[in-house]
């Protein structure tokens, strides 16, 4: 990957369909509800190859992952191996993350290590609300975090409200309480060398996310899942100042396109010297794509 030639690095994109199995990582009702919630424009279920072509056309790189919440939802995820192999075949634009249901226990821990060592996975996505766990539950996820910290990979946590289940009766059984970023503060304290990304503006806990990111050196924030025109003012203020080296561009593609995100980002009052940090430089450093 030639970082110098990239316009931006999108640290938050989803692999929602398996070309090998012909299956989706979401049930139809959750998929349709989230599409309505995000007012999705364009194709909602691009293949991995289509995603690579999309980002290549825009001279961007993308971190891509599935979400493994099979224990809670009963839906099989897109295989991590398929995502990693597609990234290897499109290494100029795709960066592979994986996702492991924390309730897989020792088998999940073993899988995590194998994905790093054999498939070159660079990080792991957790969605506490959909997966149904508190990030600071030592009995559920801490063995996974140990492997992630040991291998120098990244733990990316969904935080705040989620569009998954929004509008479905009972929210599809998905509970928002699991995604308060203060739960991740415990993880950052217990694993001081773990690299962490808090995904999304963390409504209704934006101040908590900013507090964790300013207090814990290993914690970063990605700006995915929201059009920048809706960012809370304190998030913009911190991105411009105290967290200018720790805030990352993310879109949440395919539910929110980088085209829409970047168009709205241009209208924010972000300092000229900070924009390249958010769009590319901070992610390149965190992902180990450039020399520190």
C-alpha atoms as a PDB file:
ATOM      1  CA  UNK A   1       0.000   0.000   0.000  1.00  0.00           C
ATOM      2  CA  UNK A   2       1.401   3.358  -1.065  1.00  0.00           C
ATOM      3  CA  UNK A   3       0.191   5.680   1.666  1.00  0.00           C
ATOM      4  CA  UNK A   4       1.574   8.784  -0.031  1.00  0.00           C
ATOM      5  CA  UNK A   5      -0.762   8.268  -2.981  1.00  0.00           C
ATOM      6  CA  UNK A   6      -3.876   7.872  -0.830  1.00  0.00           C
ATOM      7  CA  UNK A   7      -6.345  10.695  -0.347  1.00  0.00           C
ATOM      8  CA  UNK A   8      -7.685   9.205   2.875  1.00  0.00           C
ATOM      9  CA  UNK A   9      -7.895   6.076   5.033  1.00  0.00           C
ATOM     10  CA  UNK A  10     -11.399   5.036   6.052  1.00  0.00           C
ATOM     11  CA  UNK A  11     -11.038   3.037   9.280  1.00  0.00           C
ATOM     12  CA  UNK A  12     -14.625   1.793   9.441  1.00  0.00           C
ATOM     13  CA  UNK A  13     -16.258  -0.201   6.643  1.00  0.00           C
ATOM     14  CA  UNK A  14     -18.360  -3.350   6.711  1.00  0.00           C
ATOM     15  CA  UNK A  15     -18.287  -6.640   4.837  1.00  0.00           C
ATOM     16  CA  UNK A  16     -21.979  -7.467   4.879  1.00  0.00           C
ATOM     17  CA  UNK A  17     -22.207 -10.293   2.352  1.00  0.00           C
ATOM     18  CA  UNK A  18     -20.234 -13.472   1.700  1.00  0.00           C
ATOM     19  CA  UNK A  19     -19.638 -14.200  -1.969  1.00  0.00           C
ATOM     20  CA  UNK A  20     -18.693 -17.763  -1.063  1.00  0.00           C
ATOM     21  CA  UNK A  21     -21.758 -18.585   0.986  1.00  0.00           C
ATOM     22  CA  UNK A  22     -24.227 -16.101  -0.468  1.00  0.00           C
ATOM     23  CA  UNK A  23     -25.203 -15.069   3.060  1.00  0.00           C
ATOM     24  CA  UNK A  24     -25.511 -11.732   4.844  1.00  0.00           C
ATOM     25  CA  UNK A  25     -24.179 -10.844   8.287  1.00  0.00           C
ATOM     26  CA  UNK A  26     -27.558  -9.376   9.295  1.00  0.00           C
ATOM     27  CA  UNK A  27     -31.034 -10.878   9.338  1.00  0.00           C
ATOM     28  CA  UNK A  28     -33.418  -9.371   6.805  1.00  0.00           C
ATOM     29  CA  UNK A  29     -35.421  -7.394   9.373  1.00  0.00           C
ATOM     30  CA  UNK A  30     -32.337  -5.820  10.958  1.00  0.00           C
ATOM     31  CA  UNK A  31     -30.838  -5.158   7.536  1.00  0.00           C
ATOM     32  CA  UNK A  32     -33.954  -3.412   6.222  1.00  0.00           C
ATOM     33  CA  UNK A  33     -34.414  -1.369   9.398  1.00  0.00           C
ATOM     34  CA  UNK A  34     -30.825  -0.151   9.390  1.00  0.00           C
ATOM     35  CA  UNK A  35     -31.097   0.798   5.712  1.00  0.00           C
ATOM     36  CA  UNK A  36     -34.131   2.922   6.518  1.00  0.00           C
ATOM     37  CA  UNK A  37     -32.433   4.438   9.582  1.00  0.00           C
ATOM     38  CA  UNK A  38     -29.349   5.498   7.633  1.00  0.00           C
ATOM     39  CA  UNK A  39     -31.277   6.447   4.463  1.00  0.00           C
ATOM     40  CA  UNK A  40     -28.811   4.323   2.519  1.00  0.00           C
ATOM     41  CA  UNK A  41     -27.798   5.599  -0.899  1.00  0.00           C
ATOM     42  CA  UNK A  42     -26.515   3.139  -3.500  1.00  0.00           C
ATOM     43  CA  UNK A  43     -25.873  -0.571  -3.177  1.00  0.00           C
ATOM     44  CA  UNK A  44     -26.260  -1.795   0.401  1.00  0.00           C
ATOM     45  CA  UNK A  45     -24.584  -5.176  -0.019  1.00  0.00           C
ATOM     46  CA  UNK A  46     -21.435  -4.713  -2.118  1.00  0.00           C
ATOM     47  CA  UNK A  47     -19.136  -7.698  -2.369  1.00  0.00           C
ATOM     48  CA  UNK A  48     -15.606  -7.453  -1.048  1.00  0.00           C
ATOM     49  CA  UNK A  49     -14.276  -7.053  -4.581  1.00  0.00           C
ATOM     50  CA  UNK A  50     -16.802  -4.310  -5.288  1.00  0.00           C
ATOM     51  CA  UNK A  51     -15.773  -2.511  -2.110  1.00  0.00           C
ATOM     52  CA  UNK A  52     -12.117  -2.694  -3.141  1.00  0.00           C
ATOM     53  CA  UNK A  53     -12.944  -1.261  -6.572  1.00  0.00           C
ATOM     54  CA  UNK A  54     -15.035   1.491  -4.988  1.00  0.00           C
ATOM     55  CA  UNK A  55     -12.176   2.655  -2.761  1.00  0.00           C
ATOM     56  CA  UNK A  56      -9.544   2.219  -5.460  1.00  0.00           C
ATOM     57  CA  UNK A  57     -11.523   4.525  -7.719  1.00  0.00           C
ATOM     58  CA  UNK A  58     -11.439   7.162  -4.986  1.00  0.00           C
ATOM     59  CA  UNK A  59      -7.750   6.658  -4.163  1.00  0.00           C
ATOM     60  CA  UNK A  60      -8.637   5.711  -0.598  1.00  0.00           C
ATOM     61  CA  UNK A  61      -7.827   2.777   1.627  1.00  0.00           C
ATOM     62  CA  UNK A  62     -10.390   1.084   3.854  1.00  0.00           C
ATOM     63  CA  UNK A  63     -10.299  -0.981   7.019  1.00  0.00           C
ATOM     64  CA  UNK A  64     -12.903  -3.688   6.487  1.00  0.00           C
ATOM     65  CA  UNK A  65     -14.527  -6.204   8.824  1.00  0.00           C
ATOM     66  CA  UNK A  66     -17.582  -8.298   9.518  1.00  0.00           C
ATOM     67  CA  UNK A  67     -19.414  -8.458  12.860  1.00  0.00           C
ATOM     68  CA  UNK A  68     -19.599 -11.862  14.530  1.00  0.00           C
ATOM     69  CA  UNK A  69     -22.618 -11.810  16.833  1.00  0.00           C
ATOM     70  CA  UNK A  70     -23.817 -15.333  16.165  1.00  0.00           C
ATOM     71  CA  UNK A  71     -24.433 -16.184  19.820  1.00  0.00           C
ATOM     72  CA  UNK A  72     -26.819 -13.266  20.236  1.00  0.00           C
ATOM     73  CA  UNK A  73     -28.450 -13.125  16.797  1.00  0.00           C
ATOM     74  CA  UNK A  74     -28.201 -16.662  15.446  1.00  0.00           C
ATOM     75  CA  UNK A  75     -26.882 -15.232  12.181  1.00  0.00           C
ATOM     76  CA  UNK A  76     -23.582 -16.544  10.845  1.00  0.00           C
ATOM     77  CA  UNK A  77     -21.063 -13.786  10.054  1.00  0.00           C
ATOM     78  CA  UNK A  78     -19.149 -13.280   6.842  1.00  0.00           C
ATOM     79  CA  UNK A  79     -16.083 -15.513   7.405  1.00  0.00           C
ATOM     80  CA  UNK A  80     -13.092 -13.596   8.726  1.00  0.00           C
ATOM     81  CA  UNK A  81     -10.874 -15.647   6.447  1.00  0.00           C
ATOM     82  CA  UNK A  82     -12.832 -14.500   3.395  1.00  0.00           C
ATOM     83  CA  UNK A  83     -12.421 -10.863   4.426  1.00  0.00           C
ATOM     84  CA  UNK A  84      -8.686 -11.303   5.053  1.00  0.00           C
ATOM     85  CA  UNK A  85      -8.096 -13.116   1.772  1.00  0.00           C
ATOM     86  CA  UNK A  86      -9.964 -10.417  -0.170  1.00  0.00           C
ATOM     87  CA  UNK A  87      -7.843  -7.788   1.567  1.00  0.00           C
ATOM     88  CA  UNK A  88      -4.667  -9.679   0.631  1.00  0.00           C
ATOM     89  CA  UNK A  89      -5.828  -9.782  -2.985  1.00  0.00           C
ATOM     90  CA  UNK A  90      -6.514  -6.046  -2.862  1.00  0.00           C
ATOM     91  CA  UNK A  91      -3.704  -4.987  -0.576  1.00  0.00           C
ATOM     92  CA  UNK A  92      -3.384  -1.610  -2.283  1.00  0.00           C
ATOM     93  CA  UNK A  93      -6.726  -0.506  -0.789  1.00  0.00           C
ATOM     94  CA  UNK A  94      -8.078  -2.969   1.832  1.00  0.00           C
ATOM     95  CA  UNK A  95      -6.838  -3.468   5.399  1.00  0.00           C
ATOM     96  CA  UNK A  96      -8.265  -6.545   7.147  1.00  0.00           C
ATOM     97  CA  UNK A  97      -9.814  -6.496  10.597  1.00  0.00           C
ATOM     98  CA  UNK A  98     -11.685  -9.474  12.031  1.00  0.00           C
ATOM     99  CA  UNK A  99     -14.566  -9.930  14.431  1.00  0.00           C
ATOM    100  CA  UNK A 100     -14.936 -12.726  16.961  1.00  0.00           C
ATOM    101  CA  UNK A 101     -17.993 -13.292  19.091  1.00  0.00           C
ATOM    102  CA  UNK A 102     -16.603 -12.989  22.642  1.00  0.00           C
ATOM    103  CA  UNK A 103     -18.861 -15.844  23.732  1.00  0.00           C
ATOM    104  CA  UNK A 104     -16.825 -18.265  21.607  1.00  0.00           C
ATOM    105  CA  UNK A 105     -14.482 -18.593  24.590  1.00  0.00           C
ATOM    106  CA  UNK A 106     -11.194 -20.413  24.155  1.00  0.00           C
ATOM    107  CA  UNK A 107     -12.019 -21.315  20.563  1.00  0.00           C
ATOM    108  CA  UNK A 108     -12.391 -17.616  19.794  1.00  0.00           C
ATOM    109  CA  UNK A 109      -9.071 -16.806  21.438  1.00  0.00           C
ATOM    110  CA  UNK A 110      -7.363 -19.482  19.366  1.00  0.00           C
ATOM    111  CA  UNK A 111      -9.034 -18.172  16.225  1.00  0.00           C
ATOM    112  CA  UNK A 112      -7.902 -14.619  16.956  1.00  0.00           C
ATOM    113  CA  UNK A 113      -4.283 -15.646  17.203  1.00  0.00           C
ATOM    114  CA  UNK A 114      -4.516 -17.692  14.019  1.00  0.00           C
ATOM    115  CA  UNK A 115      -6.096 -14.804  12.104  1.00  0.00           C
ATOM    116  CA  UNK A 116      -3.223 -12.523  13.059  1.00  0.00           C
ATOM    117  CA  UNK A 117      -0.435 -15.027  12.455  1.00  0.00           C
ATOM    118  CA  UNK A 118      -1.750 -16.711   9.302  1.00  0.00           C
ATOM    119  CA  UNK A 119      -3.966 -14.063   7.687  1.00  0.00           C
ATOM    120  CA  UNK A 120      -2.319 -10.781   8.668  1.00  0.00           C
ATOM    121  CA  UNK A 121      -5.371  -9.344  10.403  1.00  0.00           C
ATOM    122  CA  UNK A 122      -4.591  -5.886  11.838  1.00  0.00           C
ATOM    123  CA  UNK A 123      -7.409  -5.501  14.354  1.00  0.00           C
ATOM    124  CA  UNK A 124     -10.707  -6.760  15.775  1.00  0.00           C
ATOM    125  CA  UNK A 125     -14.170  -5.219  15.724  1.00  0.00           C
ATOM    126  CA  UNK A 126     -16.475  -5.514  18.738  1.00  0.00           C
ATOM    127  CA  UNK A 127     -20.133  -4.444  18.769  1.00  0.00           C
ATOM    128  CA  UNK A 128     -21.158  -4.740  22.428  1.00  0.00           C
ATOM    129  CA  UNK A 129     -24.829  -3.934  21.838  1.00  0.00           C
ATOM    130  CA  UNK A 130     -25.313  -6.450  19.029  1.00  0.00           C
ATOM    131  CA  UNK A 131     -23.001  -9.049  20.595  1.00  0.00           C
ATOM    132  CA  UNK A 132     -24.707  -8.578  23.968  1.00  0.00           C
ATOM    133  CA  UNK A 133     -21.788  -8.067  26.362  1.00  0.00           C
ATOM    134  CA  UNK A 134     -20.165  -5.436  28.529  1.00  0.00           C
ATOM    135  CA  UNK A 135     -16.644  -4.744  27.209  1.00  0.00           C
ATOM    136  CA  UNK A 136     -15.285  -4.781  30.776  1.00  0.00           C
ATOM    137  CA  UNK A 137     -16.695  -8.227  31.590  1.00  0.00           C
ATOM    138  CA  UNK A 138     -13.524 -10.080  32.548  1.00  0.00           C
ATOM    139  CA  UNK A 139     -15.100 -13.499  32.176  1.00  0.00           C
ATOM    140  CA  UNK A 140     -16.262 -12.879  28.608  1.00  0.00           C
ATOM    141  CA  UNK A 141     -13.708 -10.864  26.647  1.00  0.00           C
ATOM    142  CA  UNK A 142     -10.480 -10.390  28.578  1.00  0.00           C
ATOM    143  CA  UNK A 143      -8.725 -13.437  27.124  1.00  0.00           C
ATOM    144  CA  UNK A 144      -9.375 -12.000  23.659  1.00  0.00           C
ATOM    145  CA  UNK A 145      -7.954  -8.636  24.661  1.00  0.00           C
ATOM    146  CA  UNK A 146      -4.797 -10.344  25.914  1.00  0.00           C
ATOM    147  CA  UNK A 147      -4.153 -11.761  22.439  1.00  0.00           C
ATOM    148  CA  UNK A 148      -4.929  -8.447  20.761  1.00  0.00           C
ATOM    149  CA  UNK A 149      -2.571  -6.551  23.054  1.00  0.00           C
ATOM    150  CA  UNK A 150       0.158  -9.196  22.745  1.00  0.00           C
ATOM    151  CA  UNK A 151       0.031  -9.177  18.938  1.00  0.00           C
ATOM    152  CA  UNK A 152       0.001  -5.376  18.709  1.00  0.00           C
ATOM    153  CA  UNK A 153      -3.275  -5.333  16.829  1.00  0.00           C
ATOM    154  CA  UNK A 154      -6.206  -2.970  17.416  1.00  0.00           C
ATOM    155  CA  UNK A 155      -9.491  -3.361  19.291  1.00  0.00           C
ATOM    156  CA  UNK A 156     -12.279  -1.305  17.707  1.00  0.00           C
ATOM    157  CA  UNK A 157     -15.453  -0.928  19.787  1.00  0.00           C
ATOM    158  CA  UNK A 158     -18.818   0.298  18.627  1.00  0.00           C
ATOM    159  CA  UNK A 159     -19.953   2.984  21.071  1.00  0.00           C
ATOM    160  CA  UNK A 160     -23.194   4.893  21.535  1.00  0.00           C
ATOM    161  CA  UNK A 161     -26.556   4.361  19.914  1.00  0.00           C
ATOM    162  CA  UNK A 162     -26.791   1.928  17.016  1.00  0.00           C
ATOM    163  CA  UNK A 163     -28.832   1.957  13.837  1.00  0.00           C
ATOM    164  CA  UNK A 164     -28.993  -1.833  14.027  1.00  0.00           C
ATOM    165  CA  UNK A 165     -32.435  -2.668  15.415  1.00  0.00           C
ATOM    166  CA  UNK A 166     -33.627   0.946  15.278  1.00  0.00           C
ATOM    167  CA  UNK A 167     -37.341   1.021  14.485  1.00  0.00           C
ATOM    168  CA  UNK A 168     -37.812  -2.720  15.015  1.00  0.00           C
ATOM    169  CA  UNK A 169     -40.124  -3.635  17.931  1.00  0.00           C
ATOM    170  CA  UNK A 170     -38.029  -3.747  21.067  1.00  0.00           C
ATOM    171  CA  UNK A 171     -35.037  -2.626  19.029  1.00  0.00           C
ATOM    172  CA  UNK A 172     -34.683  -6.220  17.871  1.00  0.00           C
ATOM    173  CA  UNK A 173     -33.675  -7.102  21.432  1.00  0.00           C
ATOM    174  CA  UNK A 174     -30.514  -5.008  21.132  1.00  0.00           C
ATOM    175  CA  UNK A 175     -29.608  -3.141  24.324  1.00  0.00           C
ATOM    176  CA  UNK A 176     -27.829   0.205  24.124  1.00  0.00           C
ATOM    177  CA  UNK A 177     -26.358   0.040  27.635  1.00  0.00           C
ATOM    178  CA  UNK A 178     -23.523  -2.237  26.551  1.00  0.00           C
ATOM    179  CA  UNK A 179     -22.012   0.476  24.325  1.00  0.00           C
ATOM    180  CA  UNK A 180     -21.295   3.193  26.876  1.00  0.00           C
ATOM    181  CA  UNK A 181     -17.612   4.065  26.252  1.00  0.00           C
ATOM    182  CA  UNK A 182     -16.952   4.189  30.002  1.00  0.00           C
ATOM    183  CA  UNK A 183     -16.984   0.387  29.936  1.00  0.00           C
ATOM    184  CA  UNK A 184     -14.039   0.571  27.533  1.00  0.00           C
ATOM    185  CA  UNK A 185     -12.222   2.849  29.995  1.00  0.00           C
ATOM    186  CA  UNK A 186     -11.864  -0.208  32.233  1.00  0.00           C
ATOM    187  CA  UNK A 187     -10.394  -2.166  29.323  1.00  0.00           C
ATOM    188  CA  UNK A 188      -7.897   0.615  28.594  1.00  0.00           C
ATOM    189  CA  UNK A 189      -6.869   0.683  32.255  1.00  0.00           C
ATOM    190  CA  UNK A 190      -6.477  -3.093  32.494  1.00  0.00           C
ATOM    191  CA  UNK A 191      -4.626  -3.365  29.149  1.00  0.00           C
ATOM    192  CA  UNK A 192      -2.418  -0.249  29.092  1.00  0.00           C
ATOM    193  CA  UNK A 193      -0.646  -1.194  25.853  1.00  0.00           C
ATOM    194  CA  UNK A 194      -3.795  -2.133  23.943  1.00  0.00           C
ATOM    195  CA  UNK A 195      -4.543   0.089  20.956  1.00  0.00           C
ATOM    196  CA  UNK A 196      -8.231   1.013  21.048  1.00  0.00           C
ATOM    197  CA  UNK A 197     -10.631   2.835  18.738  1.00  0.00           C
ATOM    198  CA  UNK A 198     -13.969   4.103  20.045  1.00  0.00           C
ATOM    199  CA  UNK A 199     -16.183   3.996  16.963  1.00  0.00           C
ATOM    200  CA  UNK A 200     -18.673   6.756  16.148  1.00  0.00           C
ATOM    201  CA  UNK A 201     -19.768   9.932  17.884  1.00  0.00           C
ATOM    202  CA  UNK A 202     -20.889   8.174  21.069  1.00  0.00           C
ATOM    203  CA  UNK A 203     -24.375   9.642  21.515  1.00  0.00           C
ATOM    204  CA  UNK A 204     -25.647   9.921  24.229  1.00  0.00           C
ATOM    205  CA  UNK A 205     -22.218   9.490  25.847  1.00  0.00           C
ATOM    206  CA  UNK A 206     -20.076  11.848  23.764  1.00  0.00           C
ATOM    207  CA  UNK A 207     -18.465  13.542  26.756  1.00  0.00           C
ATOM    208  CA  UNK A 208     -17.584  10.165  28.252  1.00  0.00           C
ATOM    209  CA  UNK A 209     -15.816   9.147  25.032  1.00  0.00           C
ATOM    210  CA  UNK A 210     -13.860  12.397  24.926  1.00  0.00           C
ATOM    211  CA  UNK A 211     -12.861  11.939  28.563  1.00  0.00           C
ATOM    212  CA  UNK A 212     -11.621   8.387  27.973  1.00  0.00           C
ATOM    213  CA  UNK A 213      -9.667   9.375  24.851  1.00  0.00           C
ATOM    214  CA  UNK A 214      -7.974  12.321  26.556  1.00  0.00           C
ATOM    215  CA  UNK A 215      -7.146  10.281  29.663  1.00  0.00           C
ATOM    216  CA  UNK A 216      -5.936   7.005  28.136  1.00  0.00           C
ATOM    217  CA  UNK A 217      -3.033   7.310  25.650  1.00  0.00           C
ATOM    218  CA  UNK A 218      -4.001   4.218  23.661  1.00  0.00           C
ATOM    219  CA  UNK A 219      -7.595   5.278  22.997  1.00  0.00           C
ATOM    220  CA  UNK A 220      -8.637   6.889  19.702  1.00  0.00           C
ATOM    221  CA  UNK A 221     -11.992   7.962  18.255  1.00  0.00           C
ATOM    222  CA  UNK A 222     -13.326   7.314  14.769  1.00  0.00           C
ATOM    223  CA  UNK A 223     -15.970   9.595  13.273  1.00  0.00           C
ATOM    224  CA  UNK A 224     -17.990   6.980  11.396  1.00  0.00           C
ATOM    225  CA  UNK A 225     -21.714   6.419  11.260  1.00  0.00           C
ATOM    226  CA  UNK A 226     -22.732  10.075  11.371  1.00  0.00           C
ATOM    227  CA  UNK A 227     -22.727  12.800   8.770  1.00  0.00           C
ATOM    228  CA  UNK A 228     -20.257  15.399  10.066  1.00  0.00           C
ATOM    229  CA  UNK A 229     -22.971  18.054   9.946  1.00  0.00           C
ATOM    230  CA  UNK A 230     -24.532  16.351  12.972  1.00  0.00           C
ATOM    231  CA  UNK A 231     -21.338  16.119  15.058  1.00  0.00           C
ATOM    232  CA  UNK A 232     -21.705  17.496  18.594  1.00  0.00           C
ATOM    233  CA  UNK A 233     -19.800  20.787  18.945  1.00  0.00           C
ATOM    234  CA  UNK A 234     -17.565  19.440  21.711  1.00  0.00           C
ATOM    235  CA  UNK A 235     -16.414  16.624  19.411  1.00  0.00           C
ATOM    236  CA  UNK A 236     -15.388  19.151  16.753  1.00  0.00           C
ATOM    237  CA  UNK A 237     -13.616  21.251  19.396  1.00  0.00           C
ATOM    238  CA  UNK A 238     -11.601  18.309  20.728  1.00  0.00           C
ATOM    239  CA  UNK A 239     -10.804  17.068  17.219  1.00  0.00           C
ATOM    240  CA  UNK A 240      -9.307  20.465  16.501  1.00  0.00           C
ATOM    241  CA  UNK A 241      -7.275  20.622  19.706  1.00  0.00           C
ATOM    242  CA  UNK A 242      -6.596  18.035  22.410  1.00  0.00           C
ATOM    243  CA  UNK A 243      -7.408  15.000  20.245  1.00  0.00           C
ATOM    244  CA  UNK A 244      -6.088  16.196  16.890  1.00  0.00           C
ATOM    245  CA  UNK A 245      -3.657  13.268  16.785  1.00  0.00           C
ATOM    246  CA  UNK A 246      -6.226  10.673  17.917  1.00  0.00           C
ATOM    247  CA  UNK A 247      -9.300  11.294  15.783  1.00  0.00           C
ATOM    248  CA  UNK A 248      -9.814   9.181  12.648  1.00  0.00           C
ATOM    249  CA  UNK A 249     -11.889   9.356   9.492  1.00  0.00           C
ATOM    250  CA  UNK A 250     -14.415   6.552   9.206  1.00  0.00           C
ATOM    251  CA  UNK A 251     -17.558   6.382   7.115  1.00  0.00           C
ATOM    252  CA  UNK A 252     -19.498   3.206   8.070  1.00  0.00           C
ATOM    253  CA  UNK A 253     -19.703   2.200   4.401  1.00  0.00           C
ATOM    254  CA  UNK A 254     -21.941   0.937   2.902  1.00  0.00           C
ATOM    255  CA  UNK A 255     -24.590   2.510   5.150  1.00  0.00           C
ATOM    256  CA  UNK A 256     -22.872   5.898   4.874  1.00  0.00           C
ATOM    257  CA  UNK A 257     -20.661   6.577   1.875  1.00  0.00           C
ATOM    258  CA  UNK A 258     -17.300   8.313   2.101  1.00  0.00           C
ATOM    259  CA  UNK A 259     -18.501  10.684  -0.643  1.00  0.00           C
ATOM    260  CA  UNK A 260     -21.311  11.972   1.549  1.00  0.00           C
ATOM    261  CA  UNK A 261     -19.148  12.026   4.670  1.00  0.00           C
ATOM    262  CA  UNK A 262     -16.305  13.971   3.039  1.00  0.00           C
ATOM    263  CA  UNK A 263     -18.654  16.501   1.442  1.00  0.00           C
ATOM    264  CA  UNK A 264     -20.120  17.330   4.842  1.00  0.00           C
ATOM    265  CA  UNK A 265     -16.707  17.237   6.536  1.00  0.00           C
ATOM    266  CA  UNK A 266     -15.516  20.028   4.248  1.00  0.00           C
ATOM    267  CA  UNK A 267     -18.163  22.283   5.774  1.00  0.00           C
ATOM    268  CA  UNK A 268     -16.879  21.806   9.331  1.00  0.00           C
ATOM    269  CA  UNK A 269     -14.593  24.349  10.972  1.00  0.00           C
ATOM    270  CA  UNK A 270     -11.625  21.995  11.116  1.00  0.00           C
ATOM    271  CA  UNK A 271      -8.205  23.627  11.022  1.00  0.00           C
ATOM    272  CA  UNK A 272      -6.282  23.187   7.777  1.00  0.00           C
ATOM    273  CA  UNK A 273      -3.363  21.586   9.603  1.00  0.00           C
ATOM    274  CA  UNK A 274      -5.692  19.113  11.357  1.00  0.00           C
ATOM    275  CA  UNK A 275      -7.628  17.852   8.311  1.00  0.00           C
ATOM    276  CA  UNK A 276      -4.815  15.646   6.924  1.00  0.00           C
ATOM    277  CA  UNK A 277      -4.304  14.155  10.380  1.00  0.00           C
ATOM    278  CA  UNK A 278      -7.957  13.101  10.620  1.00  0.00           C
ATOM    279  CA  UNK A 279      -8.266  11.956   7.018  1.00  0.00           C
ATOM    280  CA  UNK A 280      -5.073   9.902   6.781  1.00  0.00           C
ATOM    281  CA  UNK A 281      -2.053  10.580   8.962  1.00  0.00           C
ATOM    282  CA  UNK A 282      -3.438   9.454  12.327  1.00  0.00           C
ATOM    283  CA  UNK A 283      -4.777   6.199  10.877  1.00  0.00           C
ATOM    284  CA  UNK A 284      -1.575   5.495   8.958  1.00  0.00           C
ATOM    285  CA  UNK A 285       0.436   5.822  12.158  1.00  0.00           C
ATOM    286  CA  UNK A 286      -1.969   3.748  14.267  1.00  0.00           C
ATOM    287  CA  UNK A 287      -2.117   0.989  11.653  1.00  0.00           C
ATOM    288  CA  UNK A 288       1.655   0.896  11.315  1.00  0.00           C
ATOM    289  CA  UNK A 289       1.617   1.988   7.689  1.00  0.00           C
ATOM    290  CA  UNK A 290       4.174   4.718   8.261  1.00  0.00           C
ATOM    291  CA  UNK A 291       7.275   5.113  10.377  1.00  0.00           C
ATOM    292  CA  UNK A 292       6.408   6.745  13.717  1.00  0.00           C
END
